[in-house]
Amino acid sequence: YKNYVPFMTEGVPVIDFGYKGLKYPKYTCQDTFEEFRKIGDKDFSKHAKLVELISKVALNIIEDPLLPFDVTEYVEGLNDIFKDLQRYAHDVDAGHKLRFDPMIEGILKFKRVGKELELWIKAWKDIVEEDGGNEPSLLAVHRWNWNSKLNQIEKLFLLDLGLPKRSWYKNLFFGPQFWKPEEGDYEWWSFPSIRDAIFDHDWNLAQQEIDRVGMALSEGANQFIQG
């Protein structure tokens, strides 16, 4: 499950940089520095390129006055994994009708947040460009407010008490299913508590988790809308 799971459970966004190619024996007695140099990056040129890429990404984020978090694209991604969740529930047992309305309402609320952010960014750019690149103080305060909220967006979807069966894992939206089925091509790393319940055919718990995720979405969107 890779070593970034502890970050995901705390709502810390992660990016997995790397090269695709031949596998080497991770986590075995052959997983040594010397063996890696034989199989992989002998002169460490690939390491250097990755460090350069990561540095450029970090500098770009630091230098951008607006936090580069596209809420509209984020919501589109949520909608895709939501549809996959509905498909998974139907394929496991079409006879049990789960009520997904709370999640639909929450996603639509966050879609509204994305539209508001897009309009604000356009207005911000127009004002700054018209003023020769200068940013009025009041506008800067609004920008800081948006950046602060976007910086905490993943924190809105954490459970203090953790998910059912694994109190250490807190992320409602992203993370591994407790038991990954051997068959089926689904987005296993999404809405883990709901998928866990569906896998166990615990339909009451599945509905409770759907309601919980829907509430988290709605309450999270409200923090943007009311602010």
Protein backbone atom coordinates (compact mmCIF):
# COMPACT_ATOMS: atom_id res chain seq x y z
CA TYR A 1 0.00 0.00 0.00
CA LYS A 2 3.05 2.25 -0.35
CA ASN A 3 4.54 4.54 2.25
CA TYR A 4 2.35 7.55 1.56
CA VAL A 5 -0.74 6.07 3.24
CA PRO A 6 0.14 7.66 6.64
CA PHE A 7 0.04 11.06 4.92
CA MET A 8 -3.28 10.35 3.23
CA THR A 9 -4.95 9.38 6.49
CA GLU A 10 -4.08 12.82 7.88
CA GLY A 11 -5.44 14.63 4.83
CA VAL A 12 -2.03 15.50 3.37
CA PRO A 13 -2.13 15.46 -0.47
CA VAL A 14 0.54 13.25 -2.02
CA ILE A 15 2.16 12.97 -5.44
CA ASP A 16 3.92 9.76 -6.40
CA PHE A 17 6.93 10.68 -8.57
CA GLY A 18 8.90 7.95 -10.26
CA TYR A 19 9.92 6.07 -13.38
CA LYS A 20 8.03 3.13 -14.79
CA GLY A 21 10.04 0.11 -15.79
CA LEU A 22 11.49 -3.11 -14.46
CA LYS A 23 10.59 -4.05 -10.91
CA TYR A 24 13.26 -4.69 -8.32
CA PRO A 25 12.86 -6.89 -5.22
CA LYS A 26 11.55 -4.36 -2.70
CA TYR A 27 11.44 -5.31 0.97
CA THR A 28 13.51 -8.47 0.52
CA CYS A 29 17.07 -9.47 1.44
CA GLN A 30 18.08 -8.45 -2.10
CA ASP A 31 16.77 -4.92 -1.60
CA THR A 32 20.20 -3.39 -0.96
CA PHE A 33 21.96 -0.27 -2.14
CA GLU A 34 24.45 -2.28 -4.20
CA GLU A 35 21.73 -4.39 -5.83
CA PHE A 36 19.70 -1.32 -6.67
CA ARG A 37 22.65 0.25 -8.48
CA LYS A 38 22.99 -2.90 -10.60
CA ILE A 39 19.33 -3.04 -11.56
CA GLY A 40 18.26 0.59 -11.60
CA ASP A 41 19.95 3.96 -11.62
CA LYS A 42 23.67 3.21 -11.85
CA ASP A 43 24.91 6.80 -12.19
CA PHE A 44 21.96 8.32 -10.25
CA SER A 45 21.01 10.46 -13.27
CA LYS A 46 17.36 9.50 -12.84
CA HIS A 47 17.50 10.53 -9.19
CA ALA A 48 18.90 13.90 -10.24
CA LYS A 49 16.09 14.43 -12.76
CA LEU A 50 13.44 13.57 -10.18
CA VAL A 51 14.95 15.98 -7.65
CA GLU A 52 15.00 18.68 -10.32
CA LEU A 53 11.36 18.03 -11.21
CA ILE A 54 10.21 18.02 -7.58
CA SER A 55 12.15 21.24 -6.92
CA LYS A 56 10.49 22.97 -9.88
CA VAL A 57 7.03 21.86 -8.72
CA ALA A 58 7.74 23.12 -5.18
CA LEU A 59 9.09 26.47 -6.44
CA ASN A 60 6.08 26.91 -8.70
CA ILE A 61 3.70 26.40 -5.76
CA ILE A 62 5.71 28.76 -3.54
CA GLU A 63 5.90 31.54 -6.12
CA ASP A 64 2.25 31.38 -7.22
CA PRO A 65 0.22 33.96 -5.23
CA LEU A 66 -2.86 31.76 -5.68
CA LEU A 67 -2.77 28.25 -4.30
CA PRO A 68 -3.01 26.04 -7.43
CA PHE A 69 -5.94 23.94 -6.26
CA ASP A 70 -8.59 23.56 -8.96
CA VAL A 71 -11.79 22.91 -7.01
CA THR A 72 -13.82 22.29 -10.18
CA GLU A 73 -11.40 19.59 -11.33
CA TYR A 74 -11.38 18.18 -7.78
CA VAL A 75 -15.19 17.92 -7.83
CA GLU A 76 -15.13 16.27 -11.26
CA GLY A 77 -12.76 13.68 -9.83
CA LEU A 78 -15.06 13.13 -6.86
CA ASN A 79 -17.98 12.70 -9.22
CA ASP A 80 -16.09 10.05 -11.21
CA ILE A 81 -15.25 7.95 -8.14
CA PHE A 82 -18.80 8.50 -6.86
CA LYS A 83 -20.22 6.96 -10.05
CA ASP A 84 -17.76 4.09 -9.66
CA LEU A 85 -19.01 3.58 -6.09
CA GLN A 86 -22.60 3.38 -7.31
CA ARG A 87 -21.56 0.82 -9.93
CA TYR A 88 -19.71 -1.21 -7.31
CA ALA A 89 -22.74 -1.26 -4.98
CA HIS A 90 -25.01 -2.35 -7.83
CA ASP A 91 -22.63 -5.10 -8.96
CA VAL A 92 -22.24 -6.50 -5.43
CA ASP A 93 -25.98 -6.73 -4.88
CA ALA A 94 -28.46 -4.95 -7.15
CA GLY A 95 -31.31 -5.83 -4.80
CA HIS A 96 -30.17 -3.45 -2.06
CA LYS A 97 -31.04 0.13 -2.92
CA LEU A 98 -28.76 2.58 -1.16
CA ARG A 99 -29.79 6.22 -0.97
CA PHE A 100 -26.98 8.29 -2.47
CA ASP A 101 -28.83 11.63 -2.32
CA PRO A 102 -26.66 13.07 0.52
CA MET A 103 -23.50 12.57 -1.55
CA ILE A 104 -25.09 14.02 -4.67
CA GLU A 105 -26.17 17.12 -2.74
CA GLY A 106 -22.70 17.53 -1.25
CA ILE A 107 -20.96 17.20 -4.62
CA LEU A 108 -23.30 19.77 -6.16
CA LYS A 109 -22.54 22.17 -3.31
CA PHE A 110 -18.82 21.84 -3.90
CA LYS A 111 -19.38 22.35 -7.61
CA ARG A 112 -20.82 25.75 -6.69
CA VAL A 113 -17.67 26.50 -4.67
CA GLY A 114 -15.56 25.73 -7.74
CA LYS A 115 -17.56 28.15 -9.89
CA GLU A 116 -17.27 30.90 -7.27
CA LEU A 117 -13.50 30.37 -7.07
CA GLU A 118 -13.15 30.53 -10.86
CA LEU A 119 -15.06 33.84 -10.97
CA TRP A 120 -13.00 35.26 -8.11
CA ILE A 121 -9.68 34.29 -9.73
CA LYS A 122 -10.75 35.93 -13.00
CA ALA A 123 -11.75 39.12 -11.15
CA TRP A 124 -8.47 39.07 -9.16
CA LYS A 125 -6.37 38.76 -12.31
CA ASP A 126 -8.31 41.53 -14.09
CA ILE A 127 -7.87 43.96 -11.17
CA VAL A 128 -4.16 43.20 -10.70
CA GLU A 129 -3.44 43.50 -14.44
CA GLU A 130 -5.34 46.80 -14.69
CA ASP A 131 -3.29 48.13 -11.76
CA GLY A 132 0.03 47.30 -13.43
CA GLY A 133 0.65 44.17 -11.37
CA ASN A 134 -0.09 45.81 -8.02
CA GLU A 135 -2.52 44.11 -5.65
CA PRO A 136 -4.78 46.28 -3.48
CA SER A 137 -4.58 45.47 0.25
CA LEU A 138 -8.23 44.45 0.54
CA LEU A 139 -7.87 42.11 -2.43
CA ALA A 140 -4.79 40.56 -0.83
CA VAL A 141 -6.80 39.80 2.31
CA HIS A 142 -9.42 37.96 0.22
CA ARG A 143 -6.68 36.04 -1.58
CA TRP A 144 -5.12 34.98 1.72
CA ASN A 145 -8.56 33.86 2.89
CA TRP A 146 -9.06 31.71 -0.21
CA ASN A 147 -5.57 30.25 0.07
CA SER A 148 -6.08 29.42 3.74
CA LYS A 149 -9.34 27.58 3.00
CA LEU A 150 -7.92 25.71 0.02
CA ASN A 151 -4.91 24.70 2.09
CA GLN A 152 -7.22 23.00 4.58
CA ILE A 153 -9.66 21.43 2.13
CA GLU A 154 -8.46 17.84 2.66
CA LYS A 155 -8.66 18.33 6.43
CA LEU A 156 -12.42 18.83 6.13
CA PHE A 157 -12.94 15.18 5.33
CA LEU A 158 -11.19 13.51 8.25
CA LEU A 159 -12.85 11.58 11.07
CA ASP A 160 -11.43 12.19 14.54
CA LEU A 161 -12.45 8.68 15.63
CA GLY A 162 -11.37 7.05 12.38
CA LEU A 163 -13.22 4.67 10.07
CA PRO A 164 -15.19 1.66 11.28
CA LYS A 165 -12.87 -1.33 11.97
CA ARG A 166 -9.73 0.86 11.77
CA SER A 167 -9.75 3.84 14.06
CA TRP A 168 -6.25 4.86 12.96
CA TYR A 169 -7.40 5.69 9.42
CA LYS A 170 -9.26 9.01 9.23
CA ASN A 171 -9.72 9.93 5.56
CA LEU A 172 -13.32 9.53 4.37
CA PHE A 173 -12.60 10.11 0.68
CA PHE A 174 -9.29 8.50 -0.22
CA GLY A 175 -7.56 5.39 1.00
CA PRO A 176 -7.37 1.62 0.61
CA GLN A 177 -10.34 -0.65 1.07
CA PHE A 178 -9.89 -2.90 4.11
CA TRP A 179 -10.22 -6.02 1.96
CA LYS A 180 -9.58 -5.59 -1.72
CA PRO A 181 -11.68 -8.04 -3.75
CA GLU A 182 -9.76 -10.23 -6.15
CA GLU A 183 -12.09 -9.49 -9.05
CA GLY A 184 -13.55 -6.34 -10.56
CA ASP A 185 -12.03 -3.16 -11.95
CA TYR A 186 -13.08 -0.46 -9.52
CA GLU A 187 -11.58 2.62 -7.89
CA TRP A 188 -10.57 0.77 -4.72
CA TRP A 189 -8.77 3.77 -3.24
CA SER A 190 -11.88 5.87 -2.80
CA PHE A 191 -14.62 6.16 -0.14
CA PRO A 192 -13.03 3.32 1.84
CA SER A 193 -15.57 3.14 4.68
CA ILE A 194 -18.50 2.80 2.24
CA ARG A 195 -16.75 0.18 0.13
CA ASP A 196 -15.81 -1.76 3.28
CA ALA A 197 -19.46 -1.94 4.32
CA ILE A 198 -20.62 -2.93 0.83
CA PHE A 199 -17.97 -5.65 0.67
CA ASP A 200 -19.29 -7.03 3.99
CA HIS A 201 -22.91 -6.74 2.76
CA ASP A 202 -23.57 -4.54 5.80
CA TRP A 203 -26.12 -2.33 4.08
CA ASN A 204 -27.15 -0.41 7.20
CA LEU A 205 -23.54 0.59 7.84
CA ALA A 206 -23.09 1.40 4.14
CA GLN A 207 -26.01 3.83 4.31
CA GLN A 208 -24.65 5.39 7.50
CA GLU A 209 -21.29 5.96 5.84
CA ILE A 210 -22.92 7.40 2.72
CA ASP A 211 -24.82 9.83 4.94
CA ARG A 212 -21.62 10.67 6.82
CA VAL A 213 -19.68 11.38 3.61
CA GLY A 214 -22.57 13.46 2.26
CA MET A 215 -22.68 15.52 5.45
CA ALA A 216 -18.91 16.07 5.34
CA LEU A 217 -19.20 17.32 1.76
CA SER A 218 -22.07 19.68 2.58
CA GLU A 219 -20.48 21.05 5.74
CA GLY A 220 -17.14 21.48 3.97
CA ALA A 221 -18.77 23.40 1.12
CA ASN A 222 -20.61 25.60 3.64
CA GLN A 223 -17.29 26.77 5.07
CA PHE A 224 -16.44 28.23 1.66
CA ILE A 225 -19.90 29.56 0.85
CA GLN A 226 -20.48 31.24 4.22
CA GLY A 227 -16.95 32.61 4.40
